[in-house]
Each structure stands twice: as structure tokens, then as C-alpha cells.
């Protein structure tokens, strides 16, 4: 119930609609999970991606013991895909040129396909943030 829900208030126009979090919803049909009800994990990350991409560092971060650096996940992913022949290539236009990246990916029917999709999204976002893509 942490994902936002679109709420329409009857008798009001759509201008009054809101996206609300689960903490603001009141419904008998909704069950609130307790802290120990499920394994703590990043929201939305598929199991296959978690298994491959969430690499525990040798020295845990003292203020966030659950921190998993992206670079360690990327290294583990690149090692797992070193024999893959399929590639995903993207380019971001910039005012001074184009930023490109090619990522080896698991095949569509491979168990690691969801990890490829997830890390591609993360790396594209990271590239946009780092290099300020322009339209």
C-alpha cells in the first residue's frame, strides 16, 4: 500500500483528484503489512534483478547497512553477461554531441532478462543525470 493511488472524489471535478499514499487510505478491504511481514527489498525490483544486482560491499556503510552500491551490481552484471552476444545500445543527444553506451543483455527467454531490463533503466537514468541530455 506504499504505491500512490489515484483518488476521485465523488461530486467534485477531476481537478480535485489526488494521488495519495497508502498511509492516507482508509478502507476495510486493505490490510496493512507489519514490519516483519515481508522481506525488506527495494520496491519494484524483480527477484532475478535483486539476486544479481544487489551486491553487499566488503565494508558495510555504518549509517546504512542495507546500502548496495550500483557499481558493484554493475560489475556483477557485466561479469554474468560476458558471454552474451545480444547488446542494447542507446544514445543521448547533447548540445556538444552525443553520449552513447552499449550494454550486453541476456536473451529474451533467459532468466536474467528482467535484470537486463532493470539495469538498462538505471544506467540510462544515470547517464541522463550525469550528462544532461537535451532534446
C-alpha atoms as a PDB file:
ATOM      1  CA  UNK A   1       0.000   0.000   0.000  1.00  0.00           C
ATOM      2  CA  UNK A   2       3.015   2.321  -0.400  1.00  0.00           C
ATOM      3  CA  UNK A   3       2.418   2.931  -4.104  1.00  0.00           C
ATOM      4  CA  UNK A   4       0.347   6.050  -4.784  1.00  0.00           C
ATOM      5  CA  UNK A   5      -3.293   5.547  -5.729  1.00  0.00           C
ATOM      6  CA  UNK A   6      -5.338   7.889  -7.910  1.00  0.00           C
ATOM      7  CA  UNK A   7      -8.445   9.003  -5.951  1.00  0.00           C
ATOM      8  CA  UNK A   8     -11.508  10.682  -7.463  1.00  0.00           C
ATOM      9  CA  UNK A   9     -13.857  12.396  -5.010  1.00  0.00           C
ATOM     10  CA  UNK A  10     -17.491  11.862  -5.980  1.00  0.00           C
ATOM     11  CA  UNK A  11     -19.342  15.126  -6.513  1.00  0.00           C
ATOM     12  CA  UNK A  12     -16.162  17.028  -7.415  1.00  0.00           C
ATOM     13  CA  UNK A  13     -14.484  17.713 -10.747  1.00  0.00           C
ATOM     14  CA  UNK A  14     -11.377  15.873 -11.866  1.00  0.00           C
ATOM     15  CA  UNK A  15      -9.380  18.959 -10.827  1.00  0.00           C
ATOM     16  CA  UNK A  16      -9.868  17.771  -7.236  1.00  0.00           C
ATOM     17  CA  UNK A  17      -8.438  14.293  -7.933  1.00  0.00           C
ATOM     18  CA  UNK A  18      -5.310  13.360  -5.989  1.00  0.00           C
ATOM     19  CA  UNK A  19      -2.581  10.783  -5.864  1.00  0.00           C
ATOM     20  CA  UNK A  20      -2.397   9.556  -2.271  1.00  0.00           C
ATOM     21  CA  UNK A  21      -0.071   7.169  -0.491  1.00  0.00           C
ATOM     22  CA  UNK A  22      -1.231   4.083   1.380  1.00  0.00           C
ATOM     23  CA  UNK A  23      -0.798   5.868   4.716  1.00  0.00           C
ATOM     24  CA  UNK A  24      -3.723   8.172   3.806  1.00  0.00           C
ATOM     25  CA  UNK A  25      -6.098   5.443   2.560  1.00  0.00           C
ATOM     26  CA  UNK A  26      -8.826   4.180   4.871  1.00  0.00           C
ATOM     27  CA  UNK A  27     -10.555   1.001   3.734  1.00  0.00           C
ATOM     28  CA  UNK A  28     -11.590  -2.213   5.480  1.00  0.00           C
ATOM     29  CA  UNK A  29     -10.506  -4.227   2.436  1.00  0.00           C
ATOM     30  CA  UNK A  30      -6.900  -3.055   2.700  1.00  0.00           C
ATOM     31  CA  UNK A  31      -4.556  -4.881   5.029  1.00  0.00           C
ATOM     32  CA  UNK A  32      -1.532  -3.048   6.366  1.00  0.00           C
ATOM     33  CA  UNK A  33       1.623  -5.143   6.467  1.00  0.00           C
ATOM     34  CA  UNK A  34       3.734  -5.010   9.593  1.00  0.00           C
ATOM     35  CA  UNK A  35       7.489  -4.546   9.671  1.00  0.00           C
ATOM     36  CA  UNK A  36       8.158  -8.309   9.807  1.00  0.00           C
ATOM     37  CA  UNK A  37       5.516  -9.365   7.254  1.00  0.00           C
ATOM     38  CA  UNK A  38       7.805  -9.347   4.248  1.00  0.00           C
ATOM     39  CA  UNK A  39      11.453  -9.310   3.325  1.00  0.00           C
ATOM     40  CA  UNK A  40      12.811  -5.762   3.111  1.00  0.00           C
ATOM     41  CA  UNK A  41      13.731  -5.021  -0.516  1.00  0.00           C
ATOM     42  CA  UNK A  42      13.740  -2.174  -2.994  1.00  0.00           C
ATOM     43  CA  UNK A  43      10.229  -1.586  -4.332  1.00  0.00           C
ATOM     44  CA  UNK A  44       9.656  -2.720  -7.877  1.00  0.00           C
ATOM     45  CA  UNK A  45      12.908  -4.616  -8.425  1.00  0.00           C
ATOM     46  CA  UNK A  46      12.224  -8.097  -9.845  1.00  0.00           C
ATOM     47  CA  UNK A  47      13.615 -11.069  -7.913  1.00  0.00           C
ATOM     48  CA  UNK A  48      16.027 -12.002 -10.717  1.00  0.00           C
ATOM     49  CA  UNK A  49      17.426  -8.465 -10.726  1.00  0.00           C
ATOM     50  CA  UNK A  50      17.775  -8.361  -6.923  1.00  0.00           C
ATOM     51  CA  UNK A  51      19.640 -11.645  -6.931  1.00  0.00           C
ATOM     52  CA  UNK A  52      22.185 -10.395  -9.474  1.00  0.00           C
ATOM     53  CA  UNK A  53      22.391  -6.649  -8.880  1.00  0.00           C
ATOM     54  CA  UNK A  54      22.270  -6.198  -5.106  1.00  0.00           C
ATOM     55  CA  UNK A  55      25.858  -6.891  -4.113  1.00  0.00           C
ATOM     56  CA  UNK A  56      26.861  -6.361  -0.498  1.00  0.00           C
ATOM     57  CA  UNK A  57      30.046  -4.308  -0.157  1.00  0.00           C
ATOM     58  CA  UNK A  58      33.009  -5.763   1.763  1.00  0.00           C
ATOM     59  CA  UNK A  59      32.816  -2.840   4.182  1.00  0.00           C
ATOM     60  CA  UNK A  60      29.189  -2.029   5.084  1.00  0.00           C
ATOM     61  CA  UNK A  61      28.158   1.621   5.289  1.00  0.00           C
ATOM     62  CA  UNK A  62      27.816   2.382   9.024  1.00  0.00           C
ATOM     63  CA  UNK A  63      24.842   4.713   8.594  1.00  0.00           C
ATOM     64  CA  UNK A  64      23.039   2.456   6.085  1.00  0.00           C
ATOM     65  CA  UNK A  65      23.933  -1.235   6.474  1.00  0.00           C
ATOM     66  CA  UNK A  66      21.491  -2.138   3.662  1.00  0.00           C
ATOM     67  CA  UNK A  67      23.263   0.108   1.113  1.00  0.00           C
ATOM     68  CA  UNK A  68      24.203  -1.690  -2.098  1.00  0.00           C
ATOM     69  CA  UNK A  69      26.356   0.441  -4.476  1.00  0.00           C
ATOM     70  CA  UNK A  70      25.239   0.475  -8.108  1.00  0.00           C
ATOM     71  CA  UNK A  71      28.820  -0.013  -9.296  1.00  0.00           C
ATOM     72  CA  UNK A  72      29.089  -3.391  -7.521  1.00  0.00           C
ATOM     73  CA  UNK A  73      25.834  -4.535  -9.107  1.00  0.00           C
ATOM     74  CA  UNK A  74      27.015  -3.318 -12.499  1.00  0.00           C
ATOM     75  CA  UNK A  75      30.305  -5.222 -12.145  1.00  0.00           C
ATOM     76  CA  UNK A  76      28.456  -8.413 -11.168  1.00  0.00           C
ATOM     77  CA  UNK A  77      26.052  -7.941 -14.089  1.00  0.00           C
ATOM     78  CA  UNK A  78      28.865  -7.379 -16.620  1.00  0.00           C
ATOM     79  CA  UNK A  79      30.632 -10.497 -15.340  1.00  0.00           C
ATOM     80  CA  UNK A  80      27.412 -12.538 -15.690  1.00  0.00           C
ATOM     81  CA  UNK A  81      26.811 -11.244 -19.243  1.00  0.00           C
ATOM     82  CA  UNK A  82      30.378 -11.515 -20.550  1.00  0.00           C
ATOM     83  CA  UNK A  83      29.397 -14.395 -22.875  1.00  0.00           C
ATOM     84  CA  UNK A  84      26.090 -12.844 -24.045  1.00  0.00           C
ATOM     85  CA  UNK A  85      26.005 -11.911 -27.720  1.00  0.00           C
ATOM     86  CA  UNK A  86      22.977  -9.605 -27.617  1.00  0.00           C
ATOM     87  CA  UNK A  87      23.588  -5.913 -26.941  1.00  0.00           C
ATOM     88  CA  UNK A  88      21.450  -2.900 -26.110  1.00  0.00           C
ATOM     89  CA  UNK A  89      22.813   0.418 -27.353  1.00  0.00           C
ATOM     90  CA  UNK A  90      21.409   3.855 -26.593  1.00  0.00           C
ATOM     91  CA  UNK A  91      22.414   7.421 -27.345  1.00  0.00           C
ATOM     92  CA  UNK A  92      21.572  10.712 -25.646  1.00  0.00           C
ATOM     93  CA  UNK A  93      21.797  13.883 -27.660  1.00  0.00           C
ATOM     94  CA  UNK A  94      23.607  16.817 -26.121  1.00  0.00           C
ATOM     95  CA  UNK A  95      24.382  20.331 -27.231  1.00  0.00           C
ATOM     96  CA  UNK A  96      28.039  19.345 -27.754  1.00  0.00           C
ATOM     97  CA  UNK A  97      27.483  15.910 -29.314  1.00  0.00           C
ATOM     98  CA  UNK A  98      26.051  12.529 -28.426  1.00  0.00           C
ATOM     99  CA  UNK A  99      26.617  10.288 -25.410  1.00  0.00           C
ATOM    100  CA  UNK A 100      26.482   6.560 -26.253  1.00  0.00           C
ATOM    101  CA  UNK A 101      26.563   3.341 -24.257  1.00  0.00           C
ATOM    102  CA  UNK A 102      26.332  -0.341 -25.162  1.00  0.00           C
ATOM    103  CA  UNK A 103      25.230  -2.897 -22.604  1.00  0.00           C
ATOM    104  CA  UNK A 104      25.386  -6.677 -23.039  1.00  0.00           C
ATOM    105  CA  UNK A 105      21.977  -8.163 -22.270  1.00  0.00           C
ATOM    106  CA  UNK A 106      20.510 -11.562 -21.524  1.00  0.00           C
ATOM    107  CA  UNK A 107      18.259 -13.045 -24.197  1.00  0.00           C
ATOM    108  CA  UNK A 108      14.504 -12.535 -24.026  1.00  0.00           C
ATOM    109  CA  UNK A 109      13.867 -16.094 -22.800  1.00  0.00           C
ATOM    110  CA  UNK A 110      16.781 -16.123 -20.343  1.00  0.00           C
ATOM    111  CA  UNK A 111      16.134 -15.952 -16.583  1.00  0.00           C
ATOM    112  CA  UNK A 112      18.323 -12.841 -16.372  1.00  0.00           C
ATOM    113  CA  UNK A 113      16.236 -10.851 -18.867  1.00  0.00           C
ATOM    114  CA  UNK A 114      14.495  -8.887 -16.099  1.00  0.00           C
ATOM    115  CA  UNK A 115      17.878  -7.958 -14.645  1.00  0.00           C
ATOM    116  CA  UNK A 116      18.905  -6.629 -18.079  1.00  0.00           C
ATOM    117  CA  UNK A 117      15.766  -4.520 -18.316  1.00  0.00           C
ATOM    118  CA  UNK A 118      16.191  -3.170 -14.810  1.00  0.00           C
ATOM    119  CA  UNK A 119      19.880  -2.261 -15.073  1.00  0.00           C
ATOM    120  CA  UNK A 120      19.359  -0.695 -18.504  1.00  0.00           C
ATOM    121  CA  UNK A 121      16.767   1.634 -16.970  1.00  0.00           C
ATOM    122  CA  UNK A 122      19.084   2.516 -14.083  1.00  0.00           C
ATOM    123  CA  UNK A 123      22.053   3.163 -16.381  1.00  0.00           C
ATOM    124  CA  UNK A 124      20.009   5.293 -18.782  1.00  0.00           C
ATOM    125  CA  UNK A 125      18.766   7.401 -15.849  1.00  0.00           C
ATOM    126  CA  UNK A 126      22.299   7.698 -14.523  1.00  0.00           C
ATOM    127  CA  UNK A 127      23.570   8.795 -17.929  1.00  0.00           C
ATOM    128  CA  UNK A 128      20.848  11.437 -18.204  1.00  0.00           C
ATOM    129  CA  UNK A 129      21.733  12.784 -14.751  1.00  0.00           C
ATOM    130  CA  UNK A 130      25.480  12.762 -15.421  1.00  0.00           C
ATOM    131  CA  UNK A 131      25.470  14.178 -18.914  1.00  0.00           C
ATOM    132  CA  UNK A 132      22.352  16.358 -19.015  1.00  0.00           C
ATOM    133  CA  UNK A 133      20.733  15.086 -22.198  1.00  0.00           C
ATOM    134  CA  UNK A 134      18.963  17.689 -24.300  1.00  0.00           C
ATOM    135  CA  UNK A 135      16.141  17.394 -26.798  1.00  0.00           C
END
